[in-house]
Amino acid sequence: MFNMFKNIWSNKDILIIEGEYTRFGFGNDLLDNCKSIKRIL
């Protein structure tokens, strides 16, 4: 399941909309295969 999710954002520019302390994908490799990451807190 996690690998299928990684397929969704493979080589994509992504924008994460999250709560101030969510920190989605920070400190692990979940988003390592995307092209770029921006965040709106």
Full PDB file with SEQRES, HELIX, SHEET, SSBOND, CRYST1, ORIGX, SCALE, CONECT and MASTER records, all heavy atoms in Angstrom:
SEQRES   1 A   41  MET PHE ASN MET PHE LYS ASN ILE TRP SER ASN LYS ASP          
SEQRES   2 A   41  ILE LEU ILE ILE GLU GLY GLU TYR THR ARG PHE GLY PHE          
SEQRES   3 A   41  GLY ASN ASP LEU LEU ASP ASN CYS LYS SER ILE LYS ARG          
SEQRES   4 A   41  ILE LEU                                                      
HELIX    1 AA1 PHE A    2  ILE A    8  1                                   7    
SHEET    1 AA1 2 ASP A  13  ILE A  17  0                                        
SHEET    2 AA1 2 SER A  36  ILE A  40  1                                        
CRYST1    1.000    1.000    1.000  90.00  90.00  90.00 P 1           1          
ORIGX1      1.000000  0.000000  0.000000        0.00000                         
ORIGX2      0.000000  1.000000  0.000000        0.00000                         
ORIGX3      0.000000  0.000000  1.000000        0.00000                         
SCALE1      1.000000  0.000000  0.000000        0.00000                         
SCALE2      0.000000  1.000000  0.000000        0.00000                         
SCALE3      0.000000  0.000000  1.000000        0.00000                         
ATOM      1  N   MET A   1       0.834  -1.214   0.000  1.00  0.00           N  
ATOM      2  CA  MET A   1       0.000   0.000   0.000  1.00  0.00           C  
ATOM      3  C   MET A   1       0.869   1.265   0.000  1.00  0.00           C  
ATOM      4  O   MET A   1       0.627   2.203  -0.763  1.00  0.00           O  
ATOM      5  CB  MET A   1      -0.905   0.038   1.234  1.00  0.00           C  
ATOM      6  CG  MET A   1      -1.866  -1.103   1.383  1.00  0.00           C  
ATOM      7  SD  MET A   1      -3.211  -1.008   0.219  1.00  0.00           S  
ATOM      8  CE  MET A   1      -3.121  -2.647  -0.446  1.00  0.00           C  
ATOM      9  N   PHE A   2       1.872   1.287   0.861  1.00  0.00           N  
ATOM     10  CA  PHE A   2       2.762   2.456   0.913  1.00  0.00           C  
ATOM     11  C   PHE A   2       3.491   2.654  -0.417  1.00  0.00           C  
ATOM     12  O   PHE A   2       3.656   3.784  -0.880  1.00  0.00           O  
ATOM     13  CB  PHE A   2       3.763   2.322   2.066  1.00  0.00           C  
ATOM     14  CG  PHE A   2       3.145   2.473   3.429  1.00  0.00           C  
ATOM     15  CD1 PHE A   2       3.208   1.444   4.361  1.00  0.00           C  
ATOM     16  CD2 PHE A   2       2.486   3.641   3.787  1.00  0.00           C  
ATOM     17  CE1 PHE A   2       2.631   1.584   5.625  1.00  0.00           C  
ATOM     18  CE2 PHE A   2       1.909   3.792   5.043  1.00  0.00           C  
ATOM     19  CZ  PHE A   2       1.983   2.752   5.957  1.00  0.00           C  
ATOM     20  N   ASN A   3       3.891   1.549  -1.043  1.00  0.00           N  
ATOM     21  CA  ASN A   3       4.575   1.652  -2.338  1.00  0.00           C  
ATOM     22  C   ASN A   3       3.644   2.187  -3.425  1.00  0.00           C  
ATOM     23  O   ASN A   3       4.083   2.926  -4.313  1.00  0.00           O  
ATOM     24  CB  ASN A   3       5.156   0.298  -2.753  1.00  0.00           C  
ATOM     25  CG  ASN A   3       6.427  -0.028  -1.982  1.00  0.00           C  
ATOM     26  OD1 ASN A   3       7.127   0.877  -1.515  1.00  0.00           O  
ATOM     27  ND2 ASN A   3       6.720  -1.312  -1.824  1.00  0.00           N  
ATOM     28  N   MET A   4       2.363   1.825  -3.349  1.00  0.00           N  
ATOM     29  CA  MET A   4       1.394   2.353  -4.317  1.00  0.00           C  
ATOM     30  C   MET A   4       1.231   3.860  -4.132  1.00  0.00           C  
ATOM     31  O   MET A   4       1.127   4.608  -5.109  1.00  0.00           O  
ATOM     32  CB  MET A   4       0.057   1.627  -4.184  1.00  0.00           C  
ATOM     33  CG  MET A   4       0.106   0.195  -4.691  1.00  0.00           C  
ATOM     34  SD  MET A   4      -1.444  -0.709  -4.418  1.00  0.00           S  
ATOM     35  CE  MET A   4      -2.402  -0.159  -5.820  1.00  0.00           C  
ATOM     36  N   PHE A   5       1.234   4.313  -2.886  1.00  0.00           N  
ATOM     37  CA  PHE A   5       1.180   5.752  -2.645  1.00  0.00           C  
ATOM     38  C   PHE A   5       2.414   6.440  -3.218  1.00  0.00           C  
ATOM     39  O   PHE A   5       2.309   7.504  -3.856  1.00  0.00           O  
ATOM     40  CB  PHE A   5       1.070   6.041  -1.142  1.00  0.00           C  
ATOM     41  CG  PHE A   5      -0.339   6.182  -0.662  1.00  0.00           C  
ATOM     42  CD1 PHE A   5      -0.931   5.184   0.103  1.00  0.00           C  
ATOM     43  CD2 PHE A   5      -1.090   7.301  -0.976  1.00  0.00           C  
ATOM     44  CE1 PHE A   5      -2.245   5.311   0.537  1.00  0.00           C  
ATOM     45  CE2 PHE A   5      -2.397   7.436  -0.544  1.00  0.00           C  
ATOM     46  CZ  PHE A   5      -2.973   6.439   0.219  1.00  0.00           C  
ATOM     47  N   LYS A   6       3.589   5.850  -2.981  1.00  0.00           N  
ATOM     48  CA  LYS A   6       4.822   6.447  -3.509  1.00  0.00           C  
ATOM     49  C   LYS A   6       4.763   6.568  -5.037  1.00  0.00           C  
ATOM     50  O   LYS A   6       5.326   7.505  -5.616  1.00  0.00           O  
ATOM     51  CB  LYS A   6       6.033   5.618  -3.073  1.00  0.00           C  
ATOM     52  CG  LYS A   6       6.331   5.726  -1.579  1.00  0.00           C  
ATOM     53  CD  LYS A   6       7.468   4.790  -1.176  1.00  0.00           C  
ATOM     54  CE  LYS A   6       7.737   4.859   0.329  1.00  0.00           C  
ATOM     55  NZ  LYS A   6       8.816   3.948   0.755  1.00  0.00           N  
ATOM     56  N   ASN A   7       4.073   5.637  -5.671  1.00  0.00           N  
ATOM     57  CA  ASN A   7       3.887   5.667  -7.121  1.00  0.00           C  
ATOM     58  C   ASN A   7       3.084   6.904  -7.541  1.00  0.00           C  
ATOM     59  O   ASN A   7       3.330   7.504  -8.587  1.00  0.00           O  
ATOM     60  CB  ASN A   7       3.162   4.382  -7.557  1.00  0.00           C  
ATOM     61  CG  ASN A   7       3.108   4.210  -9.065  1.00  0.00           C  
ATOM     62  OD1 ASN A   7       3.575   5.048  -9.812  1.00  0.00           O  
ATOM     63  ND2 ASN A   7       2.516   3.117  -9.499  1.00  0.00           N  
ATOM     64  N   ILE A   8       2.118   7.304  -6.707  1.00  0.00           N  
ATOM     65  CA  ILE A   8       1.251   8.449  -7.027  1.00  0.00           C  
ATOM     66  C   ILE A   8       2.065   9.730  -7.181  1.00  0.00           C  
ATOM     67  O   ILE A   8       1.813  10.535  -8.076  1.00  0.00           O  
ATOM     68  CB  ILE A   8       0.163   8.632  -5.943  1.00  0.00           C  
ATOM     69  CG1 ILE A   8      -0.819   7.454  -5.961  1.00  0.00           C  
ATOM     70  CG2 ILE A   8      -0.590   9.944  -6.139  1.00  0.00           C  
ATOM     71  CD1 ILE A   8      -1.780   7.425  -4.772  1.00  0.00           C  
ATOM     72  N   TRP A   9       3.045   9.926  -6.301  1.00  0.00           N  
ATOM     73  CA  TRP A   9       3.814  11.188  -6.377  1.00  0.00           C  
ATOM     74  C   TRP A   9       5.218  11.020  -6.940  1.00  0.00           C  
ATOM     75  O   TRP A   9       6.029  11.946  -6.892  1.00  0.00           O  
ATOM     76  CB  TRP A   9       3.882  11.882  -5.013  1.00  0.00           C  
ATOM     77  CG  TRP A   9       4.284  11.033  -3.849  1.00  0.00           C  
ATOM     78  CD1 TRP A   9       5.524  10.529  -3.556  1.00  0.00           C  
ATOM     79  CD2 TRP A   9       3.426  10.613  -2.789  1.00  0.00           C  
ATOM     80  NE1 TRP A   9       5.494   9.822  -2.399  1.00  0.00           N  
ATOM     81  CE2 TRP A   9       4.207   9.856  -1.884  1.00  0.00           C  
ATOM     82  CE3 TRP A   9       2.068  10.807  -2.494  1.00  0.00           C  
ATOM     83  CZ2 TRP A   9       3.686   9.281  -0.726  1.00  0.00           C  
ATOM     84  CZ3 TRP A   9       1.541  10.241  -1.350  1.00  0.00           C  
ATOM     85  CH2 TRP A   9       2.351   9.485  -0.486  1.00  0.00           C  
ATOM     86  N   SER A  10       5.494   9.868  -7.551  1.00  0.00           N  
ATOM     87  CA  SER A  10       6.811   9.650  -8.143  1.00  0.00           C  
ATOM     88  C   SER A  10       7.136  10.729  -9.179  1.00  0.00           C  
ATOM     89  O   SER A  10       6.383  10.968 -10.121  1.00  0.00           O  
ATOM     90  CB  SER A  10       6.847   8.272  -8.812  1.00  0.00           C  
ATOM     91  OG  SER A  10       8.099   8.070  -9.429  1.00  0.00           O  
ATOM     92  N   ASN A  11       8.256  11.422  -8.950  1.00  0.00           N  
ATOM     93  CA  ASN A  11       8.762  12.465  -9.849  1.00  0.00           C  
ATOM     94  C   ASN A  11       7.785  13.626 -10.066  1.00  0.00           C  
ATOM     95  O   ASN A  11       7.801  14.283 -11.102  1.00  0.00           O  
ATOM     96  CB  ASN A  11       9.159  11.858 -11.206  1.00  0.00           C  
ATOM     97  CG  ASN A  11      10.208  12.702 -11.906  1.00  0.00           C  
ATOM     98  OD1 ASN A  11      11.044  13.339 -11.273  1.00  0.00           O  
ATOM     99  ND2 ASN A  11      10.148  12.740 -13.229  1.00  0.00           N  
ATOM    100  N   LYS A  12       6.930  13.881  -9.068  1.00  0.00           N  
ATOM    101  CA  LYS A  12       5.964  14.990  -9.158  1.00  0.00           C  
ATOM    102  C   LYS A  12       6.399  16.146  -8.250  1.00  0.00           C  
ATOM    103  O   LYS A  12       7.026  15.939  -7.216  1.00  0.00           O  
ATOM    104  CB  LYS A  12       4.585  14.520  -8.698  1.00  0.00           C  
ATOM    105  CG  LYS A  12       3.947  13.451  -9.564  1.00  0.00           C  
ATOM    106  CD  LYS A  12       2.959  14.070 -10.536  1.00  0.00           C  
ATOM    107  CE  LYS A  12       2.265  13.013 -11.344  1.00  0.00           C  
ATOM    108  NZ  LYS A  12       1.234  12.315 -10.585  1.00  0.00           N  
ATOM    109  N   ASP A  13       6.013  17.347  -8.665  1.00  0.00           N  
ATOM    110  CA  ASP A  13       6.098  18.500  -7.759  1.00  0.00           C  
ATOM    111  C   ASP A  13       4.892  18.429  -6.827  1.00  0.00           C  
ATOM    112  O   ASP A  13       3.751  18.369  -7.307  1.00  0.00           O  
ATOM    113  CB  ASP A  13       6.055  19.808  -8.550  1.00  0.00           C  
ATOM    114  CG  ASP A  13       7.270  19.974  -9.462  1.00  0.00           C  
ATOM    115  OD1 ASP A  13       8.403  19.823  -8.972  1.00  0.00           O  
ATOM    116  OD2 ASP A  13       7.072  20.250 -10.662  1.00  0.00           O  
ATOM    117  N   ILE A  14       5.133  18.411  -5.527  1.00  0.00           N  
ATOM    118  CA  ILE A  14       4.002  18.299  -4.612  1.00  0.00           C  
ATOM    119  C   ILE A  14       3.919  19.503  -3.673  1.00  0.00           C  
ATOM    120  O   ILE A  14       4.931  20.119  -3.329  1.00  0.00           O  
ATOM    121  CB  ILE A  14       4.023  16.982  -3.795  1.00  0.00           C  
ATOM    122  CG1 ILE A  14       5.210  16.938  -2.833  1.00  0.00           C  
ATOM    123  CG2 ILE A  14       4.017  15.768  -4.695  1.00  0.00           C  
ATOM    124  CD1 ILE A  14       5.112  15.798  -1.832  1.00  0.00           C  
ATOM    125  N   LEU A  15       2.692  19.812  -3.301  1.00  0.00           N  
ATOM    126  CA  LEU A  15       2.416  20.845  -2.306  1.00  0.00           C  
ATOM    127  C   LEU A  15       1.651  20.184  -1.174  1.00  0.00           C  
ATOM    128  O   LEU A  15       0.597  19.575  -1.401  1.00  0.00           O  
ATOM    129  CB  LEU A  15       1.581  21.969  -2.918  1.00  0.00           C  
ATOM    130  CG  LEU A  15       1.076  23.044  -1.941  1.00  0.00           C  
ATOM    131  CD1 LEU A  15       2.238  23.814  -1.324  1.00  0.00           C  
ATOM    132  CD2 LEU A  15       0.114  24.010  -2.643  1.00  0.00           C  
ATOM    133  N   ILE A  16       2.195  20.283   0.032  1.00  0.00           N  
ATOM    134  CA  ILE A  16       1.562  19.682   1.203  1.00  0.00           C  
ATOM    135  C   ILE A  16       0.820  20.776   1.972  1.00  0.00           C  
ATOM    136  O   ILE A  16       1.401  21.808   2.315  1.00  0.00           O  
ATOM    137  CB  ILE A  16       2.613  19.019   2.116  1.00  0.00           C  
ATOM    138  CG1 ILE A  16       3.371  17.915   1.360  1.00  0.00           C  
ATOM    139  CG2 ILE A  16       1.954  18.447   3.369  1.00  0.00           C  
ATOM    140  CD1 ILE A  16       4.601  17.411   2.075  1.00  0.00           C  
ATOM    141  N   ILE A  17      -0.459  20.548   2.210  1.00  0.00           N  
ATOM    142  CA  ILE A  17      -1.277  21.446   3.018  1.00  0.00           C  
ATOM    143  C   ILE A  17      -1.495  20.722   4.342  1.00  0.00           C  
ATOM    144  O   ILE A  17      -2.122  19.656   4.369  1.00  0.00           O  
ATOM    145  CB  ILE A  17      -2.644  21.729   2.353  1.00  0.00           C  
ATOM    146  CG1 ILE A  17      -2.482  22.037   0.864  1.00  0.00           C  
ATOM    147  CG2 ILE A  17      -3.389  22.833   3.090  1.00  0.00           C  
ATOM    148  CD1 ILE A  17      -1.625  23.235   0.555  1.00  0.00           C  
ATOM    149  N   GLU A  18      -0.997  21.257   5.446  1.00  0.00           N  
ATOM    150  CA  GLU A  18      -0.999  20.488   6.686  1.00  0.00           C  
ATOM    151  C   GLU A  18      -1.110  21.398   7.901  1.00  0.00           C  
ATOM    152  O   GLU A  18      -0.854  22.603   7.829  1.00  0.00           O  
ATOM    153  CB  GLU A  18       0.282  19.654   6.782  1.00  0.00           C  
ATOM    154  CG  GLU A  18       1.561  20.481   6.778  1.00  0.00           C  
ATOM    155  CD  GLU A  18       2.832  19.650   6.825  1.00  0.00           C  
ATOM    156  OE1 GLU A  18       2.747  18.419   6.983  1.00  0.00           O  
ATOM    157  OE2 GLU A  18       3.922  20.240   6.713  1.00  0.00           O  
ATOM    158  N   GLY A  19      -1.459  20.785   9.018  1.00  0.00           N  
ATOM    159  CA  GLY A  19      -1.436  21.493  10.290  1.00  0.00           C  
ATOM    160  C   GLY A  19      -0.004  21.854  10.661  1.00  0.00           C  
ATOM    161  O   GLY A  19       0.958  21.246  10.176  1.00  0.00           O  
ATOM    162  N   GLU A  20       0.126  22.825  11.527  1.00  0.00           N  
ATOM    163  CA  GLU A  20       1.445  23.372  11.853  1.00  0.00           C  
ATOM    164  C   GLU A  20       2.429  22.318  12.350  1.00  0.00           C  
ATOM    165  O   GLU A  20       3.642  22.408  12.099  1.00  0.00           O  
ATOM    166  CB  GLU A  20       1.277  24.465  12.917  1.00  0.00           C  
ATOM    167  CG  GLU A  20       2.537  25.224  13.215  1.00  0.00           C  
ATOM    168  CD  GLU A  20       2.331  26.352  14.210  1.00  0.00           C  
ATOM    169  OE1 GLU A  20       1.181  26.547  14.674  1.00  0.00           O  
ATOM    170  OE2 GLU A  20       3.321  27.022  14.522  1.00  0.00           O  
ATOM    171  N   TYR A  21       1.928  21.298  13.068  1.00  0.00           N  
ATOM    172  CA  TYR A  21       2.825  20.288  13.647  1.00  0.00           C  
ATOM    173  C   TYR A  21       2.654  18.907  13.012  1.00  0.00           C  
ATOM    174  O   TYR A  21       3.087  17.907  13.565  1.00  0.00           O  
ATOM    175  CB  TYR A  21       2.607  20.207  15.159  1.00  0.00           C  
ATOM    176  CG  TYR A  21       2.790  21.539  15.845  1.00  0.00           C  
ATOM    177  CD1 TYR A  21       1.707  22.187  16.444  1.00  0.00           C  
ATOM    178  CD2 TYR A  21       4.030  22.164  15.858  1.00  0.00           C  
ATOM    179  CE1 TYR A  21       1.865  23.428  17.053  1.00  0.00           C  
ATOM    180  CE2 TYR A  21       4.188  23.406  16.466  1.00  0.00           C  
ATOM    181  CZ  TYR A  21       3.109  24.038  17.062  1.00  0.00           C  
ATOM    182  OH  TYR A  21       3.271  25.267  17.651  1.00  0.00           O  
ATOM    183  N   THR A  22       2.052  18.859  11.827  1.00  0.00           N  
ATOM    184  CA  THR A  22       1.859  17.565  11.155  1.00  0.00           C  
ATOM    185  C   THR A  22       3.177  17.049  10.598  1.00  0.00           C  
ATOM    186  O   THR A  22       3.526  15.892  10.773  1.00  0.00           O  
ATOM    187  CB  THR A  22       0.814  17.704  10.031  1.00  0.00           C  
ATOM    188  OG1 THR A  22      -0.409  18.184  10.599  1.00  0.00           O  
ATOM    189  CG2 THR A  22       0.563  16.365   9.356  1.00  0.00           C  
ATOM    190  N   ARG A  23       3.882  17.901   9.865  1.00  0.00           N  
ATOM    191  CA  ARG A  23       5.221  17.588   9.341  1.00  0.00           C  
ATOM    192  C   ARG A  23       5.214  16.309   8.503  1.00  0.00           C  
ATOM    193  O   ARG A  23       6.023  15.394   8.688  1.00  0.00           O  
ATOM    194  CB  ARG A  23       6.219  17.511  10.490  1.00  0.00           C  
ATOM    195  CG  ARG A  23       6.404  18.894  11.139  1.00  0.00           C  
ATOM    196  CD  ARG A  23       6.944  18.874  12.528  1.00  0.00           C  
ATOM    197  NE  ARG A  23       7.114  20.242  13.027  1.00  0.00           N  
ATOM    198  CZ  ARG A  23       7.486  20.540  14.262  1.00  0.00           C  
ATOM    199  NH1 ARG A  23       7.710  19.582  15.136  1.00  0.00           N  
ATOM    200  NH2 ARG A  23       7.627  21.796  14.641  1.00  0.00           N  
ATOM    201  N   PHE A  24       4.287  16.276   7.572  1.00  0.00           N  
ATOM    202  CA  PHE A  24       4.067  15.101   6.733  1.00  0.00           C  
ATOM    203  C   PHE A  24       5.324  14.738   5.940  1.00  0.00           C  
ATOM    204  O   PHE A  24       5.879  15.562   5.221  1.00  0.00           O  
ATOM    205  CB  PHE A  24       2.903  15.389   5.760  1.00  0.00           C  
ATOM    206  CG  PHE A  24       2.436  14.187   4.998  1.00  0.00           C  
ATOM    207  CD1 PHE A  24       1.366  13.432   5.454  1.00  0.00           C  
ATOM    208  CD2 PHE A  24       3.077  13.797   3.832  1.00  0.00           C  
ATOM    209  CE1 PHE A  24       0.947  12.312   4.760  1.00  0.00           C  
ATOM    210  CE2 PHE A  24       2.663  12.675   3.125  1.00  0.00           C  
ATOM    211  CZ  PHE A  24       1.585  11.937   3.594  1.00  0.00           C  
ATOM    212  N   GLY A  25       5.768  13.495   6.100  1.00  0.00           N  
ATOM    213  CA  GLY A  25       6.927  13.000   5.356  1.00  0.00           C  
ATOM    214  C   GLY A  25       8.269  13.462   5.879  1.00  0.00           C  
ATOM    215  O   GLY A  25       9.312  13.049   5.363  1.00  0.00           O  
ATOM    216  N   PHE A  26       8.267  14.286   6.914  1.00  0.00           N  
ATOM    217  CA  PHE A  26       9.542  14.756   7.471  1.00  0.00           C  
ATOM    218  C   PHE A  26      10.164  13.653   8.322  1.00  0.00           C  
ATOM    219  O   PHE A  26       9.489  13.013   9.128  1.00  0.00           O  
ATOM    220  CB  PHE A  26       9.319  16.006   8.330  1.00  0.00           C  
ATOM    221  CG  PHE A  26      10.566  16.458   9.051  1.00  0.00           C  
ATOM    222  CD1 PHE A  26      11.601  17.057   8.361  1.00  0.00           C  
ATOM    223  CD2 PHE A  26      10.708  16.246  10.422  1.00  0.00           C  
ATOM    224  CE1 PHE A  26      12.755  17.452   9.016  1.00  0.00           C  
ATOM    225  CE2 PHE A  26      11.855  16.639  11.088  1.00  0.00           C  
ATOM    226  CZ  PHE A  26      12.886  17.247  10.383  1.00  0.00           C  
ATOM    227  N   GLY A  27      11.458  13.411   8.158  1.00  0.00           N  
ATOM    228  CA  GLY A  27      12.168  12.438   8.995  1.00  0.00           C  
ATOM    229  C   GLY A  27      12.023  11.001   8.561  1.00  0.00           C  
ATOM    230  O   GLY A  27      12.491  10.087   9.243  1.00  0.00           O  
ATOM    231  N   ASN A  28      11.381  10.752   7.415  1.00  0.00           N  
ATOM    232  CA  ASN A  28      11.343   9.395   6.857  1.00  0.00           C  
ATOM    233  C   ASN A  28      11.472   9.494   5.325  1.00  0.00           C  
ATOM    234  O   ASN A  28      11.643  10.584   4.783  1.00  0.00           O  
ATOM    235  CB  ASN A  28      10.067   8.649   7.278  1.00  0.00           C  
ATOM    236  CG  ASN A  28       8.793   9.360   6.842  1.00  0.00           C  
ATOM    237  OD1 ASN A  28       8.649   9.767   5.692  1.00  0.00           O  
ATOM    238  ND2 ASN A  28       7.854   9.523   7.774  1.00  0.00           N  
ATOM    239  N   ASP A  29      11.383   8.368   4.635  1.00  0.00           N  
ATOM    240  CA  ASP A  29      11.625   8.366   3.180  1.00  0.00           C  
ATOM    241  C   ASP A  29      10.341   8.319   2.354  1.00  0.00           C  
ATOM    242  O   ASP A  29      10.388   8.039   1.148  1.00  0.00           O  
ATOM    243  CB  ASP A  29      12.526   7.179   2.806  1.00  0.00           C  
ATOM    244  CG  ASP A  29      11.844   5.828   3.033  1.00  0.00           C  
ATOM    245  OD1 ASP A  29      10.773   5.787   3.674  1.00  0.00           O  
ATOM    246  OD2 ASP A  29      12.399   4.813   2.566  1.00  0.00           O  
ATOM    247  N   LEU A  30       9.209   8.616   2.973  1.00  0.00           N  
ATOM    248  CA  LEU A  30       7.921   8.484   2.286  1.00  0.00           C  
ATOM    249  C   LEU A  30       7.861   9.312   0.999  1.00  0.00           C  
ATOM    250  O   LEU A  30       7.279   8.884   0.002  1.00  0.00           O  
ATOM    251  CB  LEU A  30       6.789   8.905   3.233  1.00  0.00           C  
ATOM    252  CG  LEU A  30       5.349   8.669   2.768  1.00  0.00           C  
ATOM    253  CD1 LEU A  30       5.084   7.192   2.481  1.00  0.00           C  
ATOM    254  CD2 LEU A  30       4.362   9.187   3.811  1.00  0.00           C  
ATOM    255  N   LEU A  31       8.483  10.487   1.014  1.00  0.00           N  
ATOM    256  CA  LEU A  31       8.396  11.403  -0.128  1.00  0.00           C  
ATOM    257  C   LEU A  31       9.708  11.509  -0.903  1.00  0.00           C  
ATOM    258  O   LEU A  31       9.881  12.417  -1.715  1.00  0.00           O  
ATOM    259  CB  LEU A  31       7.983  12.800   0.368  1.00  0.00           C  
ATOM    260  CG  LEU A  31       6.654  12.889   1.122  1.00  0.00           C  
ATOM    261  CD1 LEU A  31       6.448  14.303   1.672  1.00  0.00           C  
ATOM    262  CD2 LEU A  31       5.490  12.492   0.231  1.00  0.00           C  
ATOM    263  N   ASP A  32      10.611  10.573  -0.666  1.00  0.00           N  
ATOM    264  CA  ASP A  32      11.947  10.691  -1.258  1.00  0.00           C  
ATOM    265  C   ASP A  32      11.948  10.657  -2.784  1.00  0.00           C  
ATOM    266  O   ASP A  32      12.892  11.135  -3.414  1.00  0.00           O  
ATOM    267  CB  ASP A  32      12.865   9.574  -0.742  1.00  0.00           C  
ATOM    268  CG  ASP A  32      13.492   9.929   0.602  1.00  0.00           C  
ATOM    269  OD1 ASP A  32      13.082  10.950   1.185  1.00  0.00           O  
ATOM    270  OD2 ASP A  32      14.363   9.174   1.072  1.00  0.00           O  
ATOM    271  N   ASN A  33      10.911  10.073  -3.398  1.00  0.00           N  
ATOM    272  CA  ASN A  33      10.919   9.931  -4.859  1.00  0.00           C  
ATOM    273  C   ASN A  33      10.166  11.044  -5.582  1.00  0.00           C  
ATOM    274  O   ASN A  33      10.023  11.016  -6.796  1.00  0.00           O  
ATOM    275  CB  ASN A  33      10.338   8.575  -5.274  1.00  0.00           C  
ATOM    276  CG  ASN A  33       8.862   8.454  -4.906  1.00  0.00           C  
ATOM    277  OD1 ASN A  33       8.402   9.088  -3.967  1.00  0.00           O  
ATOM    278  ND2 ASN A  33       8.128   7.636  -5.643  1.00  0.00           N  
ATOM    279  N   CYS A  34       9.650  12.041  -4.836  1.00  0.00           N  
ATOM    280  CA  CYS A  34       8.971  13.136  -5.537  1.00  0.00           C  
ATOM    281  C   CYS A  34      10.012  14.127  -6.063  1.00  0.00           C  
ATOM    282  O   CYS A  34      11.164  14.120  -5.647  1.00  0.00           O  
ATOM    283  CB  CYS A  34       7.933  13.807  -4.647  1.00  0.00           C  
ATOM    284  SG  CYS A  34       8.621  14.739  -3.305  1.00  0.00           S  
ATOM    285  N   LYS A  35       9.590  14.980  -6.985  1.00  0.00           N  
ATOM    286  CA  LYS A  35      10.516  15.912  -7.641  1.00  0.00           C  
ATOM    287  C   LYS A  35      10.851  17.088  -6.742  1.00  0.00           C  
ATOM    288  O   LYS A  35      12.010  17.500  -6.621  1.00  0.00           O  
ATOM    289  CB  LYS A  35       9.878  16.388  -8.951  1.00  0.00           C  
ATOM    290  CG  LYS A  35      10.784  17.175  -9.859  1.00  0.00           C  
ATOM    291  CD  LYS A  35      10.035  17.443 -11.160  1.00  0.00           C  
ATOM    292  CE  LYS A  35      10.842  18.308 -12.100  1.00  0.00           C  
ATOM    293  NZ  LYS A  35      10.043  18.616 -13.316  1.00  0.00           N  
ATOM    294  N   SER A  36       9.821  17.659  -6.111  1.00  0.00           N  
ATOM    295  CA  SER A  36      10.037  18.793  -5.213  1.00  0.00           C  
ATOM    296  C   SER A  36       8.910  18.851  -4.192  1.00  0.00           C  
ATOM    297  O   SER A  36       7.819  18.297  -4.427  1.00  0.00           O  
ATOM    298  CB  SER A  36      10.092  20.105  -5.996  1.00  0.00           C  
ATOM    299  OG  SER A  36       8.804  20.429  -6.501  1.00  0.00           O  
ATOM    300  N   ILE A  37       9.166  19.512  -3.066  1.00  0.00           N  
ATOM    301  CA  ILE A  37       8.164  19.630  -1.995  1.00  0.00           C  
ATOM    302  C   ILE A  37       8.018  21.088  -1.588  1.00  0.00           C  
ATOM    303  O   ILE A  37       9.011  21.778  -1.337  1.00  0.00           O  
ATOM    304  CB  ILE A  37       8.576  18.810  -0.749  1.00  0.00           C  
ATOM    305  CG1 ILE A  37       8.755  17.336  -1.085  1.00  0.00           C  
ATOM    306  CG2 ILE A  37       7.540  18.988   0.372  1.00  0.00           C  
ATOM    307  CD1 ILE A  37       9.350  16.507   0.054  1.00  0.00           C  
ATOM    308  N   LYS A  38       6.779  21.543  -1.544  1.00  0.00           N  
ATOM    309  CA  LYS A  38       6.452  22.824  -0.911  1.00  0.00           C  
ATOM    310  C   LYS A  38       5.413  22.541   0.162  1.00  0.00           C  
ATOM    311  O   LYS A  38       4.688  21.543   0.086  1.00  0.00           O  
ATOM    312  CB  LYS A  38       5.875  23.809  -1.936  1.00  0.00           C  
ATOM    313  CG  LYS A  38       6.858  24.266  -3.001  1.00  0.00           C  
ATOM    314  CD  LYS A  38       6.162  25.187  -3.995  1.00  0.00           C  
ATOM    315  CE  LYS A  38       7.106  25.628  -5.096  1.00  0.00           C  
ATOM    316  NZ  LYS A  38       6.392  26.409  -6.141  1.00  0.00           N  
ATOM    317  N   ARG A  39       5.344  23.434   1.144  1.00  0.00           N  
ATOM    318  CA  ARG A  39       4.388  23.253   2.239  1.00  0.00           C  
ATOM    319  C   ARG A  39       3.669  24.558   2.550  1.00  0.00           C  
ATOM    320  O   ARG A  39       4.286  25.619   2.558  1.00  0.00           O  
ATOM    321  CB  ARG A  39       5.099  22.784   3.525  1.00  0.00           C  
ATOM    322  CG  ARG A  39       5.802  21.460   3.423  1.00  0.00           C  
ATOM    323  CD  ARG A  39       6.575  21.130   4.703  1.00  0.00           C  
ATOM    324  NE  ARG A  39       7.376  19.946   4.518  1.00  0.00           N  
ATOM    325  CZ  ARG A  39       6.989  18.700   4.808  1.00  0.00           C  
ATOM    326  NH1 ARG A  39       5.791  18.504   5.351  1.00  0.00           N  
ATOM    327  NH2 ARG A  39       7.773  17.663   4.599  1.00  0.00           N  
ATOM    328  N   ILE A  40       2.368  24.436   2.836  1.00  0.00           N  
ATOM    329  CA  ILE A  40       1.609  25.524   3.427  1.00  0.00           C  
ATOM    330  C   ILE A  40       1.157  25.050   4.801  1.00  0.00           C  
ATOM    331  O   ILE A  40       0.457  24.034   4.909  1.00  0.00           O  
ATOM    332  CB  ILE A  40       0.396  25.918   2.563  1.00  0.00           C  
ATOM    333  CG1 ILE A  40       0.865  26.523   1.227  1.00  0.00           C  
ATOM    334  CG2 ILE A  40      -0.503  26.909   3.313  1.00  0.00           C  
ATOM    335  CD1 ILE A  40      -0.257  26.869   0.266  1.00  0.00           C  
ATOM    336  N   LEU A  41       1.599  25.758   5.843  1.00  0.00           N  
ATOM    337  CA  LEU A  41       1.234  25.378   7.211  1.00  0.00           C  
ATOM    338  C   LEU A  41      -0.051  26.107   7.612  1.00  0.00           C  
ATOM    339  O   LEU A  41      -0.172  27.316   7.442  1.00  0.00           O  
ATOM    340  CB  LEU A  41       2.360  25.716   8.186  1.00  0.00           C  
ATOM    341  CG  LEU A  41       3.741  25.102   7.914  1.00  0.00           C  
ATOM    342  CD1 LEU A  41       4.648  25.312   9.128  1.00  0.00           C  
ATOM    343  CD2 LEU A  41       3.647  23.611   7.582  1.00  0.00           C  
TER     344      LEU A  41                                                      
MASTER        0    0    0    1    2    0    0    6  343    1    0    4          
END                                                                             
